[in-house]
Structures are given as structure tokens and as C-alpha cells.
Amino acid sequence: MKKLIYLVVAWICLALPFAQAQSVRGELTIGKSSDQKIEVKSDNLVDLFIDFRKERFPILFSFQGDGIKSKEGREIIFFEFITEVYHNGKLLGKNSRNPMPYIPGDMIIGTEGFDFISLLSYNELTRGYTKESPGKMAPGSYQVKLTAKALNAKGSLKPATFSFTVK
């Protein structure tokens, strides 16, 4: 009987920190989808940037959390935004932003929250002709993966991916 009591007490002591751990769940979407094929107007990156700025392709960030109250009673969680850009299946670049605090709910994140514009504008494909043709994207298929990683919390948010072709 004593062994059973010790076992139960040990289990409670081990399980209690996990029960109080911060956890998040949610997703990033481009419009209403986490995997979006978009049509670009031209090979000029400025046109793509304008489409995102005018919310033709809004980046929606939505999350909920459990146990995320700070000592001050605020529901805040820090997220690091990670961007990966691929051209014809090959990684062109990857970048992450310094963590920022967010509160649970739904919000639109501007293109500035992720670095896909800068990764598309200056990379190994564009370095040679940036002066002659600034903002031009090389022909081919592109895929951009956007990830929001919660710091000091369990769980994850479903990443968003959008792809397009430049002719």
C-alpha cells in the first residue's frame, strides 16, 4: 500500500508541471488556405509586394493558448517568424525575425512580419542583375513557407505555404 501511495504522489509531482505548461494551437493562412497557389501579375517583385500590402493575399495569424498568463495576468506569448523561399525546389534563403509578443486571437500580419520580399529581391539568382533590373524575379516556380514558432510553449501552429510561377 505504501508503494502505491508513493507511486501516486510521484506521478502527481511529475504531472503537475506539465498540466500547468503553456501550450498553443492555431495556424497561419494566406487568405483562407494554409497552402495557396497564387497568380502573379508580372516578374516584378513590386507587384507581388503591392498585392500583399493591399491584402489581395492577406497573411492571417490565428492562435489560442492554455496556461499562457504571465505573472502580471496578461495572456502573452512570444513568436518567432521564420521564412523559407524556394526556387524550382531549391532553398534560396531562410530567415527568422526576432521574437515578438502576441495575444491570442486572429490578426493580419503584414509582409514586414516575414522576410519573403527581401529574400526574393536579393538572392543568388538576382545578385548579378540587381542594378540593371531591380525587383525582377528569375523565371521558374517559387514556394514560400511561413512559420510562426511559439517560444517557451508546447504545441505548434500550422505553417502557411504559397507558391507561384514566374514566366
C-alpha atoms as a PDB file:
ATOM      1  CA  MET A   1       0.000   0.000   0.000  1.00  0.00           C
ATOM      2  CA  LYS A   2       2.860   2.386   0.844  1.00  0.00           C
ATOM      3  CA  LYS A   3       4.378   1.756  -2.562  1.00  0.00           C
ATOM      4  CA  LEU A   4       1.104   2.645  -4.233  1.00  0.00           C
ATOM      5  CA  ILE A   5       0.855   5.911  -2.272  1.00  0.00           C
ATOM      6  CA  TYR A   6       4.468   6.822  -3.150  1.00  0.00           C
ATOM      7  CA  LEU A   7       3.765   5.998  -6.779  1.00  0.00           C
ATOM      8  CA  VAL A   8       0.654   8.219  -6.860  1.00  0.00           C
ATOM      9  CA  VAL A   9       2.488  11.104  -5.134  1.00  0.00           C
ATOM     10  CA  ALA A  10       5.434  10.772  -7.539  1.00  0.00           C
ATOM     11  CA  TRP A  11       3.080  10.731 -10.527  1.00  0.00           C
ATOM     12  CA  ILE A  12       1.293  13.888  -9.306  1.00  0.00           C
ATOM     13  CA  CYS A  13       4.620  15.665  -8.733  1.00  0.00           C
ATOM     14  CA  LEU A  14       5.770  14.760 -12.212  1.00  0.00           C
ATOM     15  CA  ALA A  15       2.467  15.505 -13.948  1.00  0.00           C
ATOM     16  CA  LEU A  16       1.703  18.828 -12.230  1.00  0.00           C
ATOM     17  CA  PRO A  17       4.315  20.911 -14.105  1.00  0.00           C
ATOM     18  CA  PHE A  18       3.076  19.510 -17.412  1.00  0.00           C
ATOM     19  CA  ALA A  19      -0.533  20.309 -16.571  1.00  0.00           C
ATOM     20  CA  GLN A  20       0.420  23.939 -15.965  1.00  0.00           C
ATOM     21  CA  ALA A  21       2.697  24.255 -19.021  1.00  0.00           C
ATOM     22  CA  GLN A  22       1.928  26.873 -21.624  1.00  0.00           C
ATOM     23  CA  SER A  23       0.526  25.491 -24.846  1.00  0.00           C
ATOM     24  CA  VAL A  24      -0.588  26.989 -28.128  1.00  0.00           C
ATOM     25  CA  ARG A  25      -2.513  25.844 -31.174  1.00  0.00           C
ATOM     26  CA  GLY A  26      -3.502  27.631 -34.331  1.00  0.00           C
ATOM     27  CA  GLU A  27      -2.434  28.328 -37.872  1.00  0.00           C
ATOM     28  CA  LEU A  28      -1.112  30.726 -40.443  1.00  0.00           C
ATOM     29  CA  THR A  29      -3.048  31.085 -43.676  1.00  0.00           C
ATOM     30  CA  ILE A  30      -2.789  33.017 -46.903  1.00  0.00           C
ATOM     31  CA  GLY A  31      -6.366  34.121 -47.361  1.00  0.00           C
ATOM     32  CA  LYS A  32      -8.399  31.134 -46.223  1.00  0.00           C
ATOM     33  CA  SER A  33      -5.878  28.405 -47.024  1.00  0.00           C
ATOM     34  CA  SER A  34      -2.648  27.207 -45.462  1.00  0.00           C
ATOM     35  CA  ASP A  35      -1.443  26.086 -48.895  1.00  0.00           C
ATOM     36  CA  GLN A  36      -2.176  28.652 -51.578  1.00  0.00           C
ATOM     37  CA  LYS A  37      -1.286  28.822 -55.262  1.00  0.00           C
ATOM     38  CA  ILE A  38      -1.282  32.476 -56.285  1.00  0.00           C
ATOM     39  CA  GLU A  39      -1.069  34.127 -59.669  1.00  0.00           C
ATOM     40  CA  VAL A  40       1.487  36.912 -60.029  1.00  0.00           C
ATOM     41  CA  LYS A  41       0.853  39.822 -62.379  1.00  0.00           C
ATOM     42  CA  SER A  42       4.426  40.080 -63.643  1.00  0.00           C
ATOM     43  CA  ASP A  43       8.034  39.159 -62.961  1.00  0.00           C
ATOM     44  CA  ASN A  44       8.442  42.340 -60.915  1.00  0.00           C
ATOM     45  CA  LEU A  45       8.587  41.817 -57.159  1.00  0.00           C
ATOM     46  CA  VAL A  46       6.964  45.206 -56.525  1.00  0.00           C
ATOM     47  CA  ASP A  47       3.702  43.901 -57.998  1.00  0.00           C
ATOM     48  CA  LEU A  48       3.769  40.934 -55.601  1.00  0.00           C
ATOM     49  CA  PHE A  49       4.524  43.247 -52.677  1.00  0.00           C
ATOM     50  CA  ILE A  50       1.596  45.514 -53.633  1.00  0.00           C
ATOM     51  CA  ASP A  51      -0.778  42.524 -53.820  1.00  0.00           C
ATOM     52  CA  PHE A  52       0.144  41.557 -50.255  1.00  0.00           C
ATOM     53  CA  ARG A  53       0.015  45.161 -48.985  1.00  0.00           C
ATOM     54  CA  LYS A  54      -3.445  45.674 -50.496  1.00  0.00           C
ATOM     55  CA  GLU A  55      -4.493  42.414 -48.795  1.00  0.00           C
ATOM     56  CA  ARG A  56      -5.222  40.567 -52.023  1.00  0.00           C
ATOM     57  CA  PHE A  57      -3.379  37.747 -50.251  1.00  0.00           C
ATOM     58  CA  PRO A  58      -3.731  38.526 -46.520  1.00  0.00           C
ATOM     59  CA  ILE A  59      -1.484  36.628 -44.130  1.00  0.00           C
ATOM     60  CA  LEU A  60      -3.748  35.582 -41.269  1.00  0.00           C
ATOM     61  CA  PHE A  61      -2.262  34.602 -37.907  1.00  0.00           C
ATOM     62  CA  SER A  62      -4.599  32.840 -35.505  1.00  0.00           C
ATOM     63  CA  PHE A  63      -3.821  31.110 -32.236  1.00  0.00           C
ATOM     64  CA  GLN A  64      -5.285  30.120 -28.912  1.00  0.00           C
ATOM     65  CA  GLY A  65      -3.416  29.133 -25.804  1.00  0.00           C
ATOM     66  CA  ASP A  66      -3.727  27.412 -22.474  1.00  0.00           C
ATOM     67  CA  GLY A  67      -1.863  28.495 -19.356  1.00  0.00           C
ATOM     68  CA  ILE A  68      -0.167  31.427 -21.053  1.00  0.00           C
ATOM     69  CA  LYS A  69      -0.866  34.091 -18.445  1.00  0.00           C
ATOM     70  CA  SER A  70       2.207  35.966 -17.297  1.00  0.00           C
ATOM     71  CA  LYS A  71       2.894  36.914 -13.679  1.00  0.00           C
ATOM     72  CA  GLU A  72       1.076  40.187 -14.387  1.00  0.00           C
ATOM     73  CA  GLY A  73      -2.002  38.265 -15.574  1.00  0.00           C
ATOM     74  CA  ARG A  74      -1.540  39.072 -19.277  1.00  0.00           C
ATOM     75  CA  GLU A  75      -2.055  36.465 -21.960  1.00  0.00           C
ATOM     76  CA  ILE A  76       1.103  36.980 -23.969  1.00  0.00           C
ATOM     77  CA  ILE A  77       3.237  34.532 -25.893  1.00  0.00           C
ATOM     78  CA  PHE A  78       6.362  35.289 -27.907  1.00  0.00           C
ATOM     79  CA  PHE A  79       6.571  34.082 -31.508  1.00  0.00           C
ATOM     80  CA  GLU A  80       9.500  33.859 -33.879  1.00  0.00           C
ATOM     81  CA  PHE A  81       8.516  34.165 -37.548  1.00  0.00           C
ATOM     82  CA  ILE A  82      10.542  32.021 -39.937  1.00  0.00           C
ATOM     83  CA  THR A  83      10.540  32.419 -43.722  1.00  0.00           C
ATOM     84  CA  GLU A  84      11.867  29.945 -46.278  1.00  0.00           C
ATOM     85  CA  VAL A  85      11.965  30.702 -50.016  1.00  0.00           C
ATOM     86  CA  TYR A  86      12.459  28.020 -52.656  1.00  0.00           C
ATOM     87  CA  HIS A  87      13.084  28.401 -56.392  1.00  0.00           C
ATOM     88  CA  ASN A  88      12.497  25.296 -58.540  1.00  0.00           C
ATOM     89  CA  GLY A  89      12.638  23.201 -55.357  1.00  0.00           C
ATOM     90  CA  LYS A  90      15.999  24.574 -54.189  1.00  0.00           C
ATOM     91  CA  LEU A  91      16.250  26.638 -50.996  1.00  0.00           C
ATOM     92  CA  LEU A  92      17.078  30.245 -51.968  1.00  0.00           C
ATOM     93  CA  GLY A  93      17.114  31.592 -48.453  1.00  0.00           C
ATOM     94  CA  LYS A  94      15.844  31.266 -44.914  1.00  0.00           C
ATOM     95  CA  ASN A  95      15.446  33.999 -42.348  1.00  0.00           C
ATOM     96  CA  SER A  96      13.874  34.476 -38.942  1.00  0.00           C
ATOM     97  CA  ARG A  97      12.659  37.578 -37.156  1.00  0.00           C
ATOM     98  CA  ASN A  98      13.410  38.386 -33.540  1.00  0.00           C
ATOM     99  CA  PRO A  99      10.633  37.101 -31.271  1.00  0.00           C
ATOM    100  CA  MET A 100       7.657  39.418 -30.759  1.00  0.00           C
ATOM    101  CA  PRO A 101       4.858  39.226 -28.165  1.00  0.00           C
ATOM    102  CA  TYR A 102       1.322  38.413 -29.302  1.00  0.00           C
ATOM    103  CA  ILE A 103      -2.018  37.928 -27.608  1.00  0.00           C
ATOM    104  CA  PRO A 104      -4.383  35.079 -28.539  1.00  0.00           C
ATOM    105  CA  GLY A 105      -6.843  35.691 -31.334  1.00  0.00           C
ATOM    106  CA  ASP A 106      -6.948  36.399 -35.050  1.00  0.00           C
ATOM    107  CA  MET A 107      -4.893  39.077 -36.758  1.00  0.00           C
ATOM    108  CA  ILE A 108      -3.443  40.038 -40.117  1.00  0.00           C
ATOM    109  CA  ILE A 109       0.343  40.087 -40.331  1.00  0.00           C
ATOM    110  CA  GLY A 110       1.862  42.429 -42.894  1.00  0.00           C
ATOM    111  CA  THR A 111       4.569  41.350 -45.290  1.00  0.00           C
ATOM    112  CA  GLU A 112       7.032  43.011 -42.926  1.00  0.00           C
ATOM    113  CA  GLY A 113       6.369  40.270 -40.367  1.00  0.00           C
ATOM    114  CA  PHE A 114       8.085  37.853 -42.713  1.00  0.00           C
ATOM    115  CA  ASP A 115      11.120  38.335 -44.920  1.00  0.00           C
ATOM    116  CA  PHE A 116       9.967  36.827 -48.198  1.00  0.00           C
ATOM    117  CA  ILE A 117      10.119  40.137 -50.113  1.00  0.00           C
ATOM    118  CA  SER A 118      13.762  40.707 -49.154  1.00  0.00           C
ATOM    119  CA  LEU A 119      14.652  37.041 -49.751  1.00  0.00           C
ATOM    120  CA  LEU A 120      13.038  37.189 -53.199  1.00  0.00           C
ATOM    121  CA  SER A 121      14.617  40.514 -54.102  1.00  0.00           C
ATOM    122  CA  TYR A 122      18.212  39.784 -53.189  1.00  0.00           C
ATOM    123  CA  ASN A 123      19.417  36.215 -53.565  1.00  0.00           C
ATOM    124  CA  GLU A 124      21.848  34.179 -55.638  1.00  0.00           C
ATOM    125  CA  LEU A 125      19.592  34.480 -58.709  1.00  0.00           C
ATOM    126  CA  THR A 126      19.292  38.280 -58.566  1.00  0.00           C
ATOM    127  CA  ARG A 127      22.747  39.390 -57.423  1.00  0.00           C
ATOM    128  CA  GLY A 128      24.076  39.585 -60.968  1.00  0.00           C
ATOM    129  CA  TYR A 129      21.424  41.892 -62.386  1.00  0.00           C
ATOM    130  CA  THR A 130      20.100  43.850 -59.396  1.00  0.00           C
ATOM    131  CA  LYS A 131      21.416  47.158 -60.783  1.00  0.00           C
ATOM    132  CA  GLU A 132      20.084  46.614 -64.301  1.00  0.00           C
ATOM    133  CA  SER A 133      16.735  45.107 -63.338  1.00  0.00           C
ATOM    134  CA  PRO A 134      15.909  45.813 -59.694  1.00  0.00           C
ATOM    135  CA  GLY A 135      12.974  43.824 -58.403  1.00  0.00           C
ATOM    136  CA  LYS A 136      12.862  41.331 -61.273  1.00  0.00           C
ATOM    137  CA  MET A 137      12.367  37.693 -60.331  1.00  0.00           C
ATOM    138  CA  ALA A 138      14.014  34.939 -62.336  1.00  0.00           C
ATOM    139  CA  PRO A 139      11.687  32.646 -64.298  1.00  0.00           C
ATOM    140  CA  GLY A 140      10.644  29.443 -62.559  1.00  0.00           C
ATOM    141  CA  SER A 141       8.458  28.116 -59.787  1.00  0.00           C
ATOM    142  CA  TYR A 142       8.621  29.623 -56.313  1.00  0.00           C
ATOM    143  CA  GLN A 143       7.425  28.348 -52.979  1.00  0.00           C
ATOM    144  CA  VAL A 144       7.376  30.427 -49.788  1.00  0.00           C
ATOM    145  CA  LYS A 145       6.889  28.769 -46.407  1.00  0.00           C
ATOM    146  CA  LEU A 146       5.873  30.934 -43.431  1.00  0.00           C
ATOM    147  CA  THR A 147       6.177  29.537 -39.917  1.00  0.00           C
ATOM    148  CA  ALA A 148       5.302  31.010 -36.511  1.00  0.00           C
ATOM    149  CA  LYS A 149       7.200  29.267 -33.723  1.00  0.00           C
ATOM    150  CA  ALA A 150       5.995  29.837 -30.156  1.00  0.00           C
ATOM    151  CA  LEU A 151       8.742  30.303 -27.592  1.00  0.00           C
ATOM    152  CA  ASN A 152       8.515  28.675 -24.168  1.00  0.00           C
ATOM    153  CA  ALA A 153       5.283  26.893 -25.049  1.00  0.00           C
ATOM    154  CA  LYS A 154       4.205  23.469 -26.175  1.00  0.00           C
ATOM    155  CA  GLY A 155       2.252  22.925 -29.337  1.00  0.00           C
ATOM    156  CA  SER A 156       2.635  24.486 -32.719  1.00  0.00           C
ATOM    157  CA  LEU A 157       0.878  26.488 -35.361  1.00  0.00           C
ATOM    158  CA  LYS A 158       0.239  25.053 -38.779  1.00  0.00           C
ATOM    159  CA  PRO A 159       2.569  26.882 -41.215  1.00  0.00           C
ATOM    160  CA  ALA A 160       1.379  28.579 -44.402  1.00  0.00           C
ATOM    161  CA  THR A 161       2.810  27.998 -47.844  1.00  0.00           C
ATOM    162  CA  PHE A 162       2.182  29.901 -51.014  1.00  0.00           C
ATOM    163  CA  SER A 163       3.551  29.194 -54.448  1.00  0.00           C
ATOM    164  CA  PHE A 164       3.640  30.962 -57.782  1.00  0.00           C
ATOM    165  CA  THR A 165       5.279  30.745 -61.174  1.00  0.00           C
ATOM    166  CA  VAL A 166       7.185  33.474 -62.983  1.00  0.00           C
ATOM    167  CA  LYS A 167       7.284  33.086 -66.744  1.00  0.00           C
END
